[in-house]
PDB file of N, CA and C in Angstrom:
ATOM      1  N   MET A   1      18.811  43.218  40.601  1.00  0.00           N
ATOM      2  CA  MET A   1      17.505  43.213  41.235  1.00  0.00           C
ATOM      3  C   MET A   1      16.895  41.818  41.127  1.00  0.00           C
ATOM      4  N   SER A   2      16.262  41.375  42.185  1.00  0.00           N
ATOM      5  CA  SER A   2      15.689  40.041  42.238  1.00  0.00           C
ATOM      6  C   SER A   2      14.446  39.926  41.351  1.00  0.00           C
ATOM      7  N   LEU A   3      14.326  38.799  40.707  1.00  0.00           N
ATOM      8  CA  LEU A   3      13.159  38.543  39.857  1.00  0.00           C
ATOM      9  C   LEU A   3      12.026  37.877  40.633  1.00  0.00           C
ATOM     10  N   ASN A   4      12.277  37.476  41.880  1.00  0.00           N
ATOM     11  CA  ASN A   4      11.291  36.702  42.628  1.00  0.00           C
ATOM     12  C   ASN A   4       9.929  37.374  42.702  1.00  0.00           C
ATOM     13  N   GLN A   5       9.887  38.632  43.162  1.00  0.00           N
ATOM     14  CA  GLN A   5       8.606  39.315  43.337  1.00  0.00           C
ATOM     15  C   GLN A   5       7.904  39.554  41.996  1.00  0.00           C
ATOM     16  N   PRO A   6       8.596  40.064  40.969  1.00  0.00           N
ATOM     17  CA  PRO A   6       7.922  40.257  39.680  1.00  0.00           C
ATOM     18  C   PRO A   6       7.381  38.952  39.076  1.00  0.00           C
ATOM     19  N   ILE A   7       8.125  37.854  39.234  1.00  0.00           N
ATOM     20  CA  ILE A   7       7.652  36.567  38.708  1.00  0.00           C
ATOM     21  C   ILE A   7       6.414  36.126  39.468  1.00  0.00           C
ATOM     22  N   ALA A   8       6.477  36.169  40.797  1.00  0.00           N
ATOM     23  CA  ALA A   8       5.332  35.762  41.618  1.00  0.00           C
ATOM     24  C   ALA A   8       4.106  36.606  41.295  1.00  0.00           C
ATOM     25  N   SER A   9       4.309  37.899  41.103  1.00  0.00           N
ATOM     26  CA  SER A   9       3.204  38.799  40.776  1.00  0.00           C
ATOM     27  C   SER A   9       2.617  38.470  39.406  1.00  0.00           C
ATOM     28  N   ALA A  10       3.456  38.180  38.428  1.00  0.00           N
ATOM     29  CA  ALA A  10       2.978  37.839  37.085  1.00  0.00           C
ATOM     30  C   ALA A  10       2.161  36.555  37.109  1.00  0.00           C
ATOM     31  N   VAL A  11       2.610  35.582  37.897  1.00  0.00           N
ATOM     32  CA  VAL A  11       1.896  34.305  37.976  1.00  0.00           C
ATOM     33  C   VAL A  11       0.558  34.473  38.699  1.00  0.00           C
ATOM     34  N   SER A  12       0.539  35.280  39.773  1.00  0.00           N
ATOM     35  CA  SER A  12      -0.691  35.408  40.563  1.00  0.00           C
ATOM     36  C   SER A  12      -1.705  36.386  39.970  1.00  0.00           C
ATOM     37  N   THR A  13      -1.251  37.445  39.299  1.00  0.00           N
ATOM     38  CA  THR A  13      -2.190  38.450  38.792  1.00  0.00           C
ATOM     39  C   THR A  13      -2.329  38.442  37.274  1.00  0.00           C
ATOM     40  N   GLY A  14      -1.413  37.770  36.588  1.00  0.00           N
ATOM     41  CA  GLY A  14      -1.446  37.749  35.130  1.00  0.00           C
ATOM     42  C   GLY A  14      -1.745  36.355  34.614  1.00  0.00           C
ATOM     43  N   LYS A  15      -1.188  36.067  33.446  1.00  0.00           N
ATOM     44  CA  LYS A  15      -1.373  34.756  32.832  1.00  0.00           C
ATOM     45  C   LYS A  15      -0.006  34.263  32.376  1.00  0.00           C
ATOM     46  N   CYS A  16       0.364  33.077  32.847  1.00  0.00           N
ATOM     47  CA  CYS A  16       1.664  32.504  32.517  1.00  0.00           C
ATOM     48  C   CYS A  16       1.528  31.037  32.174  1.00  0.00           C
ATOM     49  N   LYS A  17       2.439  30.560  31.352  1.00  0.00           N
ATOM     50  CA  LYS A  17       2.564  29.128  31.070  1.00  0.00           C
ATOM     51  C   LYS A  17       3.756  28.639  31.859  1.00  0.00           C
ATOM     52  N   ILE A  18       3.555  27.584  32.632  1.00  0.00           N
ATOM     53  CA  ILE A  18       4.609  27.075  33.500  1.00  0.00           C
ATOM     54  C   ILE A  18       5.165  25.774  32.923  1.00  0.00           C
ATOM     55  N   GLY A  19       6.494  25.748  32.798  1.00  0.00           N
ATOM     56  CA  GLY A  19       7.172  24.578  32.260  1.00  0.00           C
ATOM     57  C   GLY A  19       7.796  24.887  30.905  1.00  0.00           C
ATOM     58  N   ALA A  20       8.879  24.187  30.591  1.00  0.00           N
ATOM     59  CA  ALA A  20       9.614  24.450  29.353  1.00  0.00           C
ATOM     60  C   ALA A  20       8.784  24.127  28.117  1.00  0.00           C
ATOM     61  N   LYS A  21       8.107  22.991  28.107  1.00  0.00           N
ATOM     62  CA  LYS A  21       7.333  22.603  26.926  1.00  0.00           C
ATOM     63  C   LYS A  21       6.179  23.566  26.678  1.00  0.00           C
ATOM     64  N   SER A  22       5.481  23.967  27.741  1.00  0.00           N
ATOM     65  CA  SER A  22       4.394  24.943  27.604  1.00  0.00           C
ATOM     66  C   SER A  22       4.935  26.294  27.149  1.00  0.00           C
ATOM     67  N   SER A  23       6.115  26.650  27.659  1.00  0.00           N
ATOM     68  CA  SER A  23       6.737  27.920  27.269  1.00  0.00           C
ATOM     69  C   SER A  23       7.109  27.912  25.789  1.00  0.00           C
ATOM     70  N   ILE A  24       7.659  26.800  25.320  1.00  0.00           N
ATOM     71  CA  ILE A  24       8.023  26.679  23.908  1.00  0.00           C
ATOM     72  C   ILE A  24       6.766  26.785  23.040  1.00  0.00           C
ATOM     73  N   ASP A  25       5.688  26.140  23.456  1.00  0.00           N
ATOM     74  CA  ASP A  25       4.425  26.229  22.704  1.00  0.00           C
ATOM     75  C   ASP A  25       3.928  27.672  22.657  1.00  0.00           C
ATOM     76  N   ALA A  26       4.033  28.387  23.788  1.00  0.00           N
ATOM     77  CA  ALA A  26       3.591  29.785  23.837  1.00  0.00           C
ATOM     78  C   ALA A  26       4.449  30.669  22.930  1.00  0.00           C
ATOM     79  N   ILE A  27       5.743  30.362  22.843  1.00  0.00           N
ATOM     80  CA  ILE A  27       6.633  31.121  21.947  1.00  0.00           C
ATOM     81  C   ILE A  27       6.233  30.844  20.493  1.00  0.00           C
ATOM     82  N   LYS A  28       6.017  29.577  20.169  1.00  0.00           N
ATOM     83  CA  LYS A  28       5.674  29.202  18.793  1.00  0.00           C
ATOM     84  C   LYS A  28       4.369  29.849  18.331  1.00  0.00           C
ATOM     85  N   THR A  29       3.394  29.947  19.241  1.00  0.00           N
ATOM     86  CA  THR A  29       2.101  30.530  18.866  1.00  0.00           C
ATOM     87  C   THR A  29       2.112  32.045  18.924  1.00  0.00           C
ATOM     88  N   GLY A  30       3.193  32.628  19.471  1.00  0.00           N
ATOM     89  CA  GLY A  30       3.312  34.079  19.542  1.00  0.00           C
ATOM     90  C   GLY A  30       2.574  34.705  20.715  1.00  0.00           C
ATOM     91  N   SER A  31       2.089  33.887  21.644  1.00  0.00           N
ATOM     92  CA  SER A  31       1.348  34.439  22.785  1.00  0.00           C
ATOM     93  C   SER A  31       2.263  34.898  23.923  1.00  0.00           C
ATOM     94  N   ALA A  32       3.498  34.391  23.962  1.00  0.00           N
ATOM     95  CA  ALA A  32       4.431  34.776  25.024  1.00  0.00           C
ATOM     96  C   ALA A  32       4.997  36.163  24.766  1.00  0.00           C
ATOM     97  N   LYS A  33       5.099  36.954  25.832  1.00  0.00           N
ATOM     98  CA  LYS A  33       5.725  38.274  25.738  1.00  0.00           C
ATOM     99  C   LYS A  33       7.143  38.245  26.290  1.00  0.00           C
ATOM    100  N   LEU A  34       7.406  37.262  27.166  1.00  0.00           N
ATOM    101  CA  LEU A  34       8.702  37.135  27.832  1.00  0.00           C
ATOM    102  C   LEU A  34       8.827  35.714  28.349  1.00  0.00           C
ATOM    103  N   VAL A  35      10.052  35.189  28.380  1.00  0.00           N
ATOM    104  CA  VAL A  35      10.290  33.868  28.951  1.00  0.00           C
ATOM    105  C   VAL A  35      11.353  33.989  30.026  1.00  0.00           C
ATOM    106  N   VAL A  36      11.098  33.362  31.169  1.00  0.00           N
ATOM    107  CA  VAL A  36      12.061  33.307  32.269  1.00  0.00           C
ATOM    108  C   VAL A  36      12.580  31.874  32.323  1.00  0.00           C
ATOM    109  N   VAL A  37      13.913  31.730  32.303  1.00  0.00           N
ATOM    110  CA  VAL A  37      14.545  30.412  32.279  1.00  0.00           C
ATOM    111  C   VAL A  37      15.417  30.250  33.522  1.00  0.00           C
ATOM    112  N   SER A  38      15.294  29.104  34.198  1.00  0.00           N
ATOM    113  CA  SER A  38      16.098  28.851  35.403  1.00  0.00           C
ATOM    114  C   SER A  38      17.557  28.611  35.029  1.00  0.00           C
ATOM    115  N   ALA A  39      18.434  28.753  36.015  1.00  0.00           N
ATOM    116  CA  ALA A  39      19.870  28.596  35.792  1.00  0.00           C
ATOM    117  C   ALA A  39      20.232  27.176  35.360  1.00  0.00           C
ATOM    118  N   ASN A  40      19.460  26.187  35.801  1.00  0.00           N
ATOM    119  CA  ASN A  40      19.793  24.800  35.459  1.00  0.00           C
ATOM    120  C   ASN A  40      18.773  24.168  34.512  1.00  0.00           C
ATOM    121  N   CYS A  41      18.164  24.987  33.682  1.00  0.00           N
ATOM    122  CA  CYS A  41      17.240  24.475  32.663  1.00  0.00           C
ATOM    123  C   CYS A  41      18.010  23.493  31.777  1.00  0.00           C
ATOM    124  N   PRO A  42      17.412  22.333  31.471  1.00  0.00           N
ATOM    125  CA  PRO A  42      18.123  21.380  30.602  1.00  0.00           C
ATOM    126  C   PRO A  42      18.570  22.036  29.300  1.00  0.00           C
ATOM    127  N   ARG A  43      19.781  21.732  28.895  1.00  0.00           N
ATOM    128  CA  ARG A  43      20.417  22.388  27.752  1.00  0.00           C
ATOM    129  C   ARG A  43      19.559  22.296  26.487  1.00  0.00           C
ATOM    130  N   ASP A  44      18.989  21.123  26.186  1.00  0.00           N
ATOM    131  CA  ASP A  44      18.201  20.993  24.958  1.00  0.00           C
ATOM    132  C   ASP A  44      16.954  21.873  24.991  1.00  0.00           C
ATOM    133  N   GLU A  45      16.304  21.956  26.145  1.00  0.00           N
ATOM    134  CA  GLU A  45      15.121  22.816  26.268  1.00  0.00           C
ATOM    135  C   GLU A  45      15.511  24.291  26.190  1.00  0.00           C
ATOM    136  N   GLN A  46      16.624  24.645  26.826  1.00  0.00           N
ATOM    137  CA  GLN A  46      17.085  26.031  26.775  1.00  0.00           C
ATOM    138  C   GLN A  46      17.451  26.425  25.342  1.00  0.00           C
ATOM    139  N   ASP A  47      18.083  25.515  24.607  1.00  0.00           N
ATOM    140  CA  ASP A  47      18.435  25.787  23.209  1.00  0.00           C
ATOM    141  C   ASP A  47      17.173  26.025  22.368  1.00  0.00           C
ATOM    142  N   ASP A  48      16.143  25.185  22.589  1.00  0.00           N
ATOM    143  CA  ASP A  48      14.890  25.348  21.849  1.00  0.00           C
ATOM    144  C   ASP A  48      14.239  26.688  22.184  1.00  0.00           C
ATOM    145  N   ILE A  49      14.196  27.020  23.472  1.00  0.00           N
ATOM    146  CA  ILE A  49      13.600  28.291  23.902  1.00  0.00           C
ATOM    147  C   ILE A  49      14.341  29.458  23.263  1.00  0.00           C
ATOM    148  N   GLU A  50      15.673  29.423  23.320  1.00  0.00           N
ATOM    149  CA  GLU A  50      16.466  30.525  22.757  1.00  0.00           C
ATOM    150  C   GLU A  50      16.272  30.644  21.247  1.00  0.00           C
ATOM    151  N   ARG A  51      16.238  29.515  20.562  1.00  0.00           N
ATOM    152  CA  ARG A  51      16.088  29.534  19.098  1.00  0.00           C
ATOM    153  C   ARG A  51      14.722  30.098  18.704  1.00  0.00           C
ATOM    154  N   PHE A  52      13.656  29.586  19.288  1.00  0.00           N
ATOM    155  CA  PHE A  52      12.312  30.046  18.941  1.00  0.00           C
ATOM    156  C   PHE A  52      12.073  31.487  19.393  1.00  0.00           C
ATOM    157  N   ALA A  53      12.630  31.860  20.542  1.00  0.00           N
ATOM    158  CA  ALA A  53      12.463  33.230  21.038  1.00  0.00           C
ATOM    159  C   ALA A  53      13.173  34.225  20.119  1.00  0.00           C
ATOM    160  N   GLN A  54      14.332  33.853  19.642  1.00  0.00           N
ATOM    161  CA  GLN A  54      15.079  34.747  18.744  1.00  0.00           C
ATOM    162  C   GLN A  54      14.302  34.967  17.449  1.00  0.00           C
ATOM    163  N   VAL A  55      13.754  33.906  16.893  1.00  0.00           N
ATOM    164  CA  VAL A  55      12.981  34.006  15.655  1.00  0.00           C
ATOM    165  C   VAL A  55      11.736  34.868  15.874  1.00  0.00           C
ATOM    166  N   SER A  56      11.107  34.723  17.053  1.00  0.00           N
ATOM    167  CA  SER A  56       9.866  35.448  17.353  1.00  0.00           C
ATOM    168  C   SER A  56      10.097  36.835  17.941  1.00  0.00           C
ATOM    169  N   GLY A  57      11.346  37.156  18.271  1.00  0.00           N
ATOM    170  CA  GLY A  57      11.647  38.458  18.866  1.00  0.00           C
ATOM    171  C   GLY A  57      11.186  38.583  20.311  1.00  0.00           C
ATOM    172  N   ILE A  58      11.151  37.457  21.021  1.00  0.00           N
ATOM    173  CA  ILE A  58      10.716  37.444  22.421  1.00  0.00           C
ATOM    174  C   ILE A  58      11.946  37.444  23.317  1.00  0.00           C
ATOM    175  N   LYS A  59      11.926  38.288  24.331  1.00  0.00           N
ATOM    176  CA  LYS A  59      13.069  38.405  25.245  1.00  0.00           C
ATOM    177  C   LYS A  59      13.072  37.247  26.245  1.00  0.00           C
ATOM    178  N   ILE A  60      14.300  36.924  26.711  1.00  0.00           N
ATOM    179  CA  ILE A  60      14.491  35.874  27.706  1.00  0.00           C
ATOM    180  C   ILE A  60      15.185  36.486  28.914  1.00  0.00           C
ATOM    181  N   LEU A  61      14.664  36.181  30.090  1.00  0.00           N
ATOM    182  CA  LEU A  61      15.322  36.585  31.332  1.00  0.00           C
ATOM    183  C   LEU A  61      15.902  35.346  31.988  1.00  0.00           C
ATOM    184  N   LYS A  62      17.136  35.451  32.462  1.00  0.00           N
ATOM    185  CA  LYS A  62      17.771  34.348  33.180  1.00  0.00           C
ATOM    186  C   LYS A  62      17.459  34.477  34.670  1.00  0.00           C
ATOM    187  N   PHE A  63      16.849  33.449  35.240  1.00  0.00           N
ATOM    188  CA  PHE A  63      16.584  33.389  36.673  1.00  0.00           C
ATOM    189  C   PHE A  63      17.819  32.782  37.320  1.00  0.00           C
ATOM    190  N   GLU A  64      18.372  33.455  38.311  1.00  0.00           N
ATOM    191  CA  GLU A  64      19.646  33.021  38.895  1.00  0.00           C
ATOM    192  C   GLU A  64      19.544  31.733  39.710  1.00  0.00           C
ATOM    193  N   GLY A  65      18.361  31.396  40.172  1.00  0.00           N
ATOM    194  CA  GLY A  65      18.190  30.197  40.992  1.00  0.00           C
ATOM    195  C   GLY A  65      17.963  28.949  40.155  1.00  0.00           C
ATOM    196  N   THR A  66      17.849  27.822  40.861  1.00  0.00           N
ATOM    197  CA  THR A  66      17.611  26.540  40.197  1.00  0.00           C
ATOM    198  C   THR A  66      16.136  26.405  39.851  1.00  0.00           C
ATOM    199  N   SER A  67      15.810  25.323  39.178  1.00  0.00           N
ATOM    200  CA  SER A  67      14.415  25.069  38.834  1.00  0.00           C
ATOM    201  C   SER A  67      13.581  24.792  40.086  1.00  0.00           C
ATOM    202  N   TRP A  68      14.211  24.277  41.154  1.00  0.00           N
ATOM    203  CA  TRP A  68      13.493  24.126  42.435  1.00  0.00           C
ATOM    204  C   TRP A  68      13.139  25.497  42.984  1.00  0.00           C
ATOM    205  N   ASP A  69      14.086  26.432  42.908  1.00  0.00           N
ATOM    206  CA  ASP A  69      13.848  27.800  43.392  1.00  0.00           C
ATOM    207  C   ASP A  69      12.741  28.480  42.588  1.00  0.00           C
ATOM    208  N   LEU A  70      12.761  28.295  41.278  1.00  0.00           N
ATOM    209  CA  LEU A  70      11.743  28.909  40.428  1.00  0.00           C
ATOM    210  C   LEU A  70      10.369  28.302  40.720  1.00  0.00           C
ATOM    211  N   GLY A  71      10.320  27.010  40.947  1.00  0.00           N
ATOM    212  CA  GLY A  71       9.067  26.363  41.326  1.00  0.00           C
ATOM    213  C   GLY A  71       8.518  26.931  42.624  1.00  0.00           C
ATOM    214  N   GLU A  72       9.405  27.182  43.573  1.00  0.00           N
ATOM    215  CA  GLU A  72       8.999  27.753  44.857  1.00  0.00           C
ATOM    216  C   GLU A  72       8.448  29.168  44.674  1.00  0.00           C
ATOM    217  N   VAL A  73       9.081  29.963  43.822  1.00  0.00           N
ATOM    218  CA  VAL A  73       8.645  31.343  43.571  1.00  0.00           C
ATOM    219  C   VAL A  73       7.225  31.370  42.996  1.00  0.00           C
ATOM    220  N   VAL A  74       6.917  30.422  42.112  1.00  0.00           N
ATOM    221  CA  VAL A  74       5.588  30.405  41.498  1.00  0.00           C
ATOM    222  C   VAL A  74       4.572  29.593  42.301  1.00  0.00           C
ATOM    223  N   GLY A  75       4.990  29.075  43.439  1.00  0.00           N
ATOM    224  CA  GLY A  75       4.071  28.372  44.323  1.00  0.00           C
ATOM    225  C   GLY A  75       3.776  26.942  43.918  1.00  0.00           C
ATOM    226  N   LYS A  76       4.703  26.315  43.227  1.00  0.00           N
ATOM    227  CA  LYS A  76       4.525  24.924  42.808  1.00  0.00           C
ATOM    228  C   LYS A  76       5.473  24.027  43.592  1.00  0.00           C
ATOM    229  N   PRO A  77       5.003  22.844  43.989  1.00  0.00           N
ATOM    230  CA  PRO A  77       5.851  21.937  44.776  1.00  0.00           C
ATOM    231  C   PRO A  77       6.729  21.037  43.910  1.00  0.00           C
ATOM    232  N   PHE A  78       7.150  21.553  42.758  1.00  0.00           N
ATOM    233  CA  PHE A  78       8.000  20.776  41.861  1.00  0.00           C
ATOM    234  C   PHE A  78       8.926  21.722  41.094  1.00  0.00           C
ATOM    235  N   MET A  79       9.860  21.123  40.348  1.00  0.00           N
ATOM    236  CA  MET A  79      10.821  21.924  39.596  1.00  0.00           C
ATOM    237  C   MET A  79      10.140  22.583  38.397  1.00  0.00           C
ATOM    238  N   VAL A  80      10.483  23.848  38.166  1.00  0.00           N
ATOM    239  CA  VAL A  80       9.975  24.595  37.013  1.00  0.00           C
ATOM    240  C   VAL A  80      11.183  25.188  36.310  1.00  0.00           C
ATOM    241  N   SER A  81      11.462  24.729  35.099  1.00  0.00           N
ATOM    242  CA  SER A  81      12.665  25.196  34.409  1.00  0.00           C
ATOM    243  C   SER A  81      12.430  26.448  33.570  1.00  0.00           C
ATOM    244  N   ALA A  82      11.160  26.725  33.225  1.00  0.00           N
ATOM    245  CA  ALA A  82      10.869  27.920  32.424  1.00  0.00           C
ATOM    246  C   ALA A  82       9.429  28.374  32.642  1.00  0.00           C
ATOM    247  N   ILE A  83       9.229  29.669  32.457  1.00  0.00           N
ATOM    248  CA  ILE A  83       7.892  30.263  32.544  1.00  0.00           C
ATOM    249  C   ILE A  83       7.748  31.234  31.378  1.00  0.00           C
ATOM    250  N   ALA A  84       6.632  31.141  30.684  1.00  0.00           N
ATOM    251  CA  ALA A  84       6.323  32.104  29.626  1.00  0.00           C
ATOM    252  C   ALA A  84       5.271  33.063  30.168  1.00  0.00           C
ATOM    253  N   VAL A  85       5.562  34.357  30.112  1.00  0.00           N
ATOM    254  CA  VAL A  85       4.608  35.373  30.558  1.00  0.00           C
ATOM    255  C   VAL A  85       3.730  35.735  29.363  1.00  0.00           C
ATOM    256  N   ILE A  86       2.438  35.458  29.512  1.00  0.00           N
ATOM    257  CA  ILE A  86       1.474  35.771  28.453  1.00  0.00           C
ATOM    258  C   ILE A  86       0.890  37.160  28.718  1.00  0.00           C
ATOM    259  N   GLU A  87       0.398  37.362  29.925  1.00  0.00           N
ATOM    260  CA  GLU A  87      -0.098  38.664  30.388  1.00  0.00           C
ATOM    261  C   GLU A  87       0.578  38.941  31.729  1.00  0.00           C
ATOM    262  N   PRO A  88       1.250  40.081  31.889  1.00  0.00           N
ATOM    263  CA  PRO A  88       1.993  40.349  33.127  1.00  0.00           C
ATOM    264  C   PRO A  88       1.121  40.698  34.332  1.00  0.00           C
ATOM    265  N   GLY A  89      -0.136  41.012  34.123  1.00  0.00           N
ATOM    266  CA  GLY A  89      -0.988  41.418  35.254  1.00  0.00           C
ATOM    267  C   GLY A  89      -0.446  42.666  35.891  1.00  0.00           C
ATOM    268  N   ASN A  90      -0.336  42.681  37.222  1.00  0.00           N
ATOM    269  CA  ASN A  90       0.187  43.842  37.956  1.00  0.00           C
ATOM    270  C   ASN A  90       1.708  43.863  38.053  1.00  0.00           C
ATOM    271  N   SER A  91       2.356  42.865  37.460  1.00  0.00           N
ATOM    272  CA  SER A  91       3.811  42.749  37.546  1.00  0.00           C
ATOM    273  C   SER A  91       4.513  43.740  36.616  1.00  0.00           C
ATOM    274  N   LYS A  92       5.699  44.146  37.014  1.00  0.00           N
ATOM    275  CA  LYS A  92       6.532  45.034  36.192  1.00  0.00           C
ATOM    276  C   LYS A  92       7.621  44.227  35.480  1.00  0.00           C
ATOM    277  N   ILE A  93       7.412  42.927  35.345  1.00  0.00           N
ATOM    278  CA  ILE A  93       8.453  42.049  34.808  1.00  0.00           C
ATOM    279  C   ILE A  93       8.841  42.380  33.369  1.00  0.00           C
ATOM    280  N   LEU A  94       7.908  42.859  32.553  1.00  0.00           N
ATOM    281  CA  LEU A  94       8.254  43.177  31.165  1.00  0.00           C
ATOM    282  C   LEU A  94       9.229  44.339  31.070  1.00  0.00           C
ATOM    283  N   LYS A  95       9.218  45.214  32.067  1.00  0.00           N
ATOM    284  CA  LYS A  95      10.142  46.358  32.074  1.00  0.00           C
ATOM    285  C   LYS A  95      11.560  45.938  32.479  1.00  0.00           C
ATOM    286  N   MET A  96      11.706  44.737  33.029  1.00  0.00           N
ATOM    287  CA  MET A  96      13.009  44.255  33.474  1.00  0.00           C
ATOM    288  C   MET A  96      13.789  43.601  32.347  1.00  0.00           C
ATOM    289  N   ALA A  97      13.110  43.302  31.259  1.00  0.00           N
ATOM    290  CA  ALA A  97      13.762  42.584  30.154  1.00  0.00           C
ATOM    291  C   ALA A  97      14.551  43.524  29.261  1.00  0.00           C
TER     292      ALA A  97
END
């Protein structure tokens, strides 16, 4: 099942942190409920996200598209390698993890 609609819904109706560094900060502070990582997320950032998420018990979803595709889904004109979902809003994305 495609993650595009649930991600777009979470960004538009909920609260999300966009970008790998913001996502890592959200994981560290415990505010993230879920992290979505693009297929071509830089290895060092992906390693940090996975390590901190495992310690915090936060699930990670792999987005099959590139960071350009993920940026397009969230309505940004730039690459987005990761998104931390703080509040899902009307999205059902937390049930997909």
